[in-house]
């Protein structure tokens, strides 16, 4: 099955929320794509941040089992879509993986601010933006 990989910096906040919300809204069934997430600058095995878990849960997604992972060349090559949280992530991916530029997109037209280190309200705002972007992607890919 083809994968849609959500990309952020550390893979503990934004991209896990996007992955979880994609699943929670039936994105895998509706689009035929398996959701995953990864970071551009992270270490493998870290859990999603506590506030990301809480904010995502309020919107119906379960991030408790999430563990961070670094985006690898193999993951990038094998993905159908690579969905970035910011324009800077987009630029970095296109630079790092020039053969993948046709499948790199940003989640929304505006950057999703990194809530890392912020309070729960900061995470809720990011989660709401991510949720809207994820719902839009599901709608477009289901059509």
Protein backbone atom coordinates (compact mmCIF):
# COMPACT_ATOMS: atom_id res chain seq x y z
CA UNK A 1 0.00 0.00 0.00
CA UNK A 2 1.25 3.50 -0.80
CA UNK A 3 2.31 5.76 2.05
CA UNK A 4 1.67 9.37 2.88
CA UNK A 5 4.42 10.56 5.21
CA UNK A 6 3.93 13.69 7.29
CA UNK A 7 7.21 15.53 7.91
CA UNK A 8 8.32 17.98 10.60
CA UNK A 9 11.53 18.70 12.46
CA UNK A 10 11.61 16.38 15.47
CA UNK A 11 8.68 14.00 14.82
CA UNK A 12 7.33 14.47 18.34
CA UNK A 13 4.67 17.18 17.81
CA UNK A 14 3.30 18.26 14.44
CA UNK A 15 3.88 15.28 12.15
CA UNK A 16 2.66 12.68 14.68
CA UNK A 17 -0.49 14.76 15.17
CA UNK A 18 -0.99 14.84 11.39
CA UNK A 19 -0.44 11.09 11.10
CA UNK A 20 -2.81 10.36 13.97
CA UNK A 21 -5.50 12.73 12.72
CA UNK A 22 -5.25 11.28 9.19
CA UNK A 23 -6.01 7.85 10.67
CA UNK A 24 -8.67 9.17 13.08
CA UNK A 25 -10.61 10.75 10.22
CA UNK A 26 -10.56 7.54 8.18
CA UNK A 27 -7.92 8.82 5.80
CA UNK A 28 -6.34 5.43 5.24
CA UNK A 29 -9.64 3.84 4.24
CA UNK A 30 -10.82 6.82 2.19
CA UNK A 31 -7.57 7.34 0.24
CA UNK A 32 -5.94 3.90 0.22
CA UNK A 33 -2.78 5.46 1.67
CA UNK A 34 -1.04 4.28 4.82
CA UNK A 35 -0.18 7.19 7.11
CA UNK A 36 3.29 7.57 8.63
CA UNK A 37 5.40 10.42 9.97
CA UNK A 38 9.07 11.28 10.28
CA UNK A 39 11.40 14.08 11.24
CA UNK A 40 14.22 15.82 9.40
CA UNK A 41 16.33 16.40 12.52
CA UNK A 42 15.52 13.86 15.22
CA UNK A 43 16.57 10.69 16.89
CA UNK A 44 14.61 7.47 16.67
CA UNK A 45 12.44 6.25 19.52
CA UNK A 46 11.20 9.37 21.32
CA UNK A 47 7.51 9.48 22.30
CA UNK A 48 5.16 12.20 21.12
CA UNK A 49 5.24 15.18 23.48
CA UNK A 50 2.68 15.09 26.29
CA UNK A 51 0.82 18.14 25.01
CA UNK A 52 0.73 16.71 21.46
CA UNK A 53 -0.82 13.52 22.84
CA UNK A 54 -3.45 15.55 24.74
CA UNK A 55 -4.28 17.96 21.89
CA UNK A 56 -4.55 15.14 19.35
CA UNK A 57 -6.70 13.04 21.71
CA UNK A 58 -9.15 15.94 22.04
CA UNK A 59 -9.59 15.71 18.25
CA UNK A 60 -9.93 11.91 18.24
CA UNK A 61 -6.36 10.72 17.57
CA UNK A 62 -4.31 8.38 19.75
CA UNK A 63 -0.56 9.13 19.79
CA UNK A 64 0.43 7.03 22.81
CA UNK A 65 2.24 4.38 20.75
CA UNK A 66 4.10 6.92 18.58
CA UNK A 67 7.91 6.85 18.50
CA UNK A 68 9.95 9.34 16.52
CA UNK A 69 11.99 8.38 13.51
CA UNK A 70 14.31 10.12 11.11
CA UNK A 71 13.25 10.31 7.47
CA UNK A 72 15.49 7.98 5.49
CA UNK A 73 16.25 8.04 1.76
CA UNK A 74 14.40 4.74 1.41
CA UNK A 75 11.28 6.12 3.13
CA UNK A 76 11.32 9.20 0.90
CA UNK A 77 11.80 7.14 -2.25
CA UNK A 78 9.01 4.70 -1.41
CA UNK A 79 6.40 7.24 -0.30
CA UNK A 80 3.59 8.36 -2.58
CA UNK A 81 3.41 11.77 -0.85
CA UNK A 82 5.70 13.66 1.54
CA UNK A 83 3.69 16.31 3.37
CA UNK A 84 5.64 19.03 5.18
CA UNK A 85 4.58 21.31 8.01
CA UNK A 86 6.52 24.36 6.74
CA UNK A 87 8.03 25.85 3.64
CA UNK A 88 11.47 25.34 5.18
CA UNK A 89 10.78 21.60 5.51
CA UNK A 90 9.63 21.61 1.89
CA UNK A 91 12.82 23.34 0.74
CA UNK A 92 15.01 20.99 2.78
CA UNK A 93 13.30 17.89 1.39
CA UNK A 94 13.57 19.08 -2.21
CA UNK A 95 17.24 19.86 -1.64
CA UNK A 96 17.98 16.58 0.11
CA UNK A 97 15.88 14.38 -2.20
CA UNK A 98 15.76 16.04 -5.65
CA UNK A 99 14.25 12.91 -7.21
CA UNK A 100 11.23 13.28 -4.90
CA UNK A 101 10.24 16.88 -5.62
CA UNK A 102 7.11 15.84 -7.54
CA UNK A 103 5.65 14.25 -4.38
CA UNK A 104 6.61 16.90 -1.79
CA UNK A 105 3.86 19.23 -0.57
CA UNK A 106 3.11 21.46 2.40
CA UNK A 107 0.10 20.60 4.57
CA UNK A 108 -1.34 24.11 4.32
CA UNK A 109 -0.43 27.31 2.53
CA UNK A 110 0.74 28.79 5.83
CA UNK A 111 3.47 27.24 7.94
CA UNK A 112 2.26 25.25 10.94
CA UNK A 113 4.14 26.84 13.85
CA UNK A 114 6.21 24.48 15.96
CA UNK A 115 4.48 24.13 19.34
CA UNK A 116 7.49 22.38 20.92
CA UNK A 117 7.97 23.63 24.48
CA UNK A 118 4.69 25.53 24.45
CA UNK A 119 1.70 25.17 26.72
CA UNK A 120 -1.35 23.06 25.93
CA UNK A 121 -3.14 25.99 24.26
CA UNK A 122 -0.21 26.39 21.85
CA UNK A 123 -0.51 22.69 20.96
CA UNK A 124 -4.27 22.98 20.58
CA UNK A 125 -3.83 25.81 18.06
CA UNK A 126 -1.29 23.77 16.08
CA UNK A 127 -3.51 20.68 16.26
CA UNK A 128 -6.51 22.65 14.93
CA UNK A 129 -4.46 23.92 11.96
CA UNK A 130 -3.12 20.42 11.30
CA UNK A 131 -6.60 18.94 11.59
CA UNK A 132 -7.98 21.35 8.97
CA UNK A 133 -5.08 20.56 6.62
CA UNK A 134 -5.44 16.81 7.09
CA UNK A 135 -9.19 16.93 6.46
CA UNK A 136 -8.55 18.91 3.27
CA UNK A 137 -5.99 16.36 2.05
CA UNK A 138 -8.35 13.46 2.77
CA UNK A 139 -11.11 15.22 0.88
CA UNK A 140 -8.88 15.95 -2.14
CA UNK A 141 -7.37 12.45 -2.29
CA UNK A 142 -10.74 10.75 -1.84
CA UNK A 143 -12.37 12.57 -4.76
